[in-house]
Amino acid sequence: MSAQTNDTLKICYQPIGIIHSPFDDPEGMPLQPIGALGIRGTVELHREFAAGLRDLEGFSHYS
């Protein structure tokens, strides 16, 4: 078995949606949920990923 070099390891990320919140700059943005009590936001999921949400309510930690 040969060892892989870092040149062959690649992780590519693709956005699956957009998060909308009243925060437009990371500075001042709360790091923990307790710091954002009462702050509302929405998640806009790209249509091609919507099927991945099917049956999500069957899990305990999704909200």
C-alpha atoms as a PDB file:
ATOM      1  CA  MET A   1       0.000   0.000   0.000  1.00  0.00           C
ATOM      2  CA  SER A   2       1.453   3.348  -0.967  1.00  0.00           C
ATOM      3  CA  ALA A   3       1.138   6.494   1.091  1.00  0.00           C
ATOM      4  CA  GLN A   4      -0.818   9.403  -0.353  1.00  0.00           C
ATOM      5  CA  THR A   5       0.740  12.823  -0.410  1.00  0.00           C
ATOM      6  CA  ASN A   6      -1.144  15.971   0.509  1.00  0.00           C
ATOM      7  CA  ASP A   7      -1.213  16.815  -3.207  1.00  0.00           C
ATOM      8  CA  THR A   8      -3.671  13.982  -3.849  1.00  0.00           C
ATOM      9  CA  LEU A   9      -6.024  14.755  -0.956  1.00  0.00           C
ATOM     10  CA  LYS A  10      -8.615  17.323  -1.939  1.00  0.00           C
ATOM     11  CA  ILE A  11     -11.877  18.360  -0.307  1.00  0.00           C
ATOM     12  CA  CYS A  12     -14.243  20.496  -2.346  1.00  0.00           C
ATOM     13  CA  TYR A  13     -17.243  22.211  -0.780  1.00  0.00           C
ATOM     14  CA  GLN A  14     -20.394  23.188  -2.646  1.00  0.00           C
ATOM     15  CA  PRO A  15     -22.983  25.461  -1.047  1.00  0.00           C
ATOM     16  CA  ILE A  16     -26.394  23.851  -0.621  1.00  0.00           C
ATOM     17  CA  GLY A  17     -28.225  27.046   0.269  1.00  0.00           C
ATOM     18  CA  ILE A  18     -28.095  30.468   1.857  1.00  0.00           C
ATOM     19  CA  ILE A  19     -28.550  31.500   5.478  1.00  0.00           C
ATOM     20  CA  HIS A  20     -30.273  34.854   5.960  1.00  0.00           C
ATOM     21  CA  SER A  21     -29.829  36.645   9.287  1.00  0.00           C
ATOM     22  CA  PRO A  22     -29.680  40.226  10.535  1.00  0.00           C
ATOM     23  CA  PHE A  23     -25.890  39.842  10.887  1.00  0.00           C
ATOM     24  CA  ASP A  24     -23.846  41.060   7.933  1.00  0.00           C
ATOM     25  CA  ASP A  25     -20.414  40.983   9.556  1.00  0.00           C
ATOM     26  CA  PRO A  26     -18.846  38.205  11.653  1.00  0.00           C
ATOM     27  CA  GLU A  27     -17.668  40.800  14.173  1.00  0.00           C
ATOM     28  CA  GLY A  28     -20.379  41.123  16.789  1.00  0.00           C
ATOM     29  CA  MET A  29     -22.108  37.934  15.645  1.00  0.00           C
ATOM     30  CA  PRO A  30     -22.932  35.667  18.613  1.00  0.00           C
ATOM     31  CA  LEU A  31     -20.868  32.488  18.838  1.00  0.00           C
ATOM     32  CA  GLN A  32     -23.427  30.612  20.932  1.00  0.00           C
ATOM     33  CA  PRO A  33     -27.225  30.415  20.576  1.00  0.00           C
ATOM     34  CA  ILE A  34     -27.724  32.025  23.991  1.00  0.00           C
ATOM     35  CA  GLY A  35     -26.283  35.232  22.529  1.00  0.00           C
ATOM     36  CA  ALA A  36     -28.916  35.292  19.778  1.00  0.00           C
ATOM     37  CA  LEU A  37     -32.094  34.784  21.789  1.00  0.00           C
ATOM     38  CA  GLY A  38     -34.969  36.429  19.941  1.00  0.00           C
ATOM     39  CA  ILE A  39     -32.968  36.851  16.715  1.00  0.00           C
ATOM     40  CA  ARG A  40     -34.735  35.376  13.676  1.00  0.00           C
ATOM     41  CA  GLY A  41     -33.148  33.973  10.546  1.00  0.00           C
ATOM     42  CA  THR A  42     -34.058  31.719   7.654  1.00  0.00           C
ATOM     43  CA  VAL A  43     -32.372  29.015   5.619  1.00  0.00           C
ATOM     44  CA  GLU A  44     -32.933  28.989   1.866  1.00  0.00           C
ATOM     45  CA  LEU A  45     -32.046  25.547   0.525  1.00  0.00           C
ATOM     46  CA  HIS A  46     -31.264  25.173  -3.180  1.00  0.00           C
ATOM     47  CA  ARG A  47     -34.064  23.224  -4.848  1.00  0.00           C
ATOM     48  CA  GLU A  48     -31.874  20.309  -5.950  1.00  0.00           C
ATOM     49  CA  PHE A  49     -31.146  19.461  -2.280  1.00  0.00           C
ATOM     50  CA  ALA A  50     -34.758  19.591  -1.035  1.00  0.00           C
ATOM     51  CA  ALA A  51     -35.229  15.814  -1.245  1.00  0.00           C
ATOM     52  CA  GLY A  52     -32.507  15.450   1.405  1.00  0.00           C
ATOM     53  CA  LEU A  53     -34.866  16.996   3.964  1.00  0.00           C
ATOM     54  CA  ARG A  54     -37.503  14.305   3.523  1.00  0.00           C
ATOM     55  CA  ASP A  55     -38.352  12.629   6.864  1.00  0.00           C
ATOM     56  CA  LEU A  56     -36.077  15.015   8.772  1.00  0.00           C
ATOM     57  CA  GLU A  57     -38.686  15.464  11.486  1.00  0.00           C
ATOM     58  CA  GLY A  58     -38.067  11.839  12.480  1.00  0.00           C
ATOM     59  CA  PHE A  59     -34.724  12.876  14.017  1.00  0.00           C
ATOM     60  CA  SER A  60     -34.308  14.414  17.439  1.00  0.00           C
ATOM     61  CA  HIS A  61     -31.651  17.071  16.633  1.00  0.00           C
ATOM     62  CA  TYR A  62     -32.659  18.896  13.489  1.00  0.00           C
ATOM     63  CA  SER A  63     -34.001  22.252  14.628  1.00  0.00           C
END
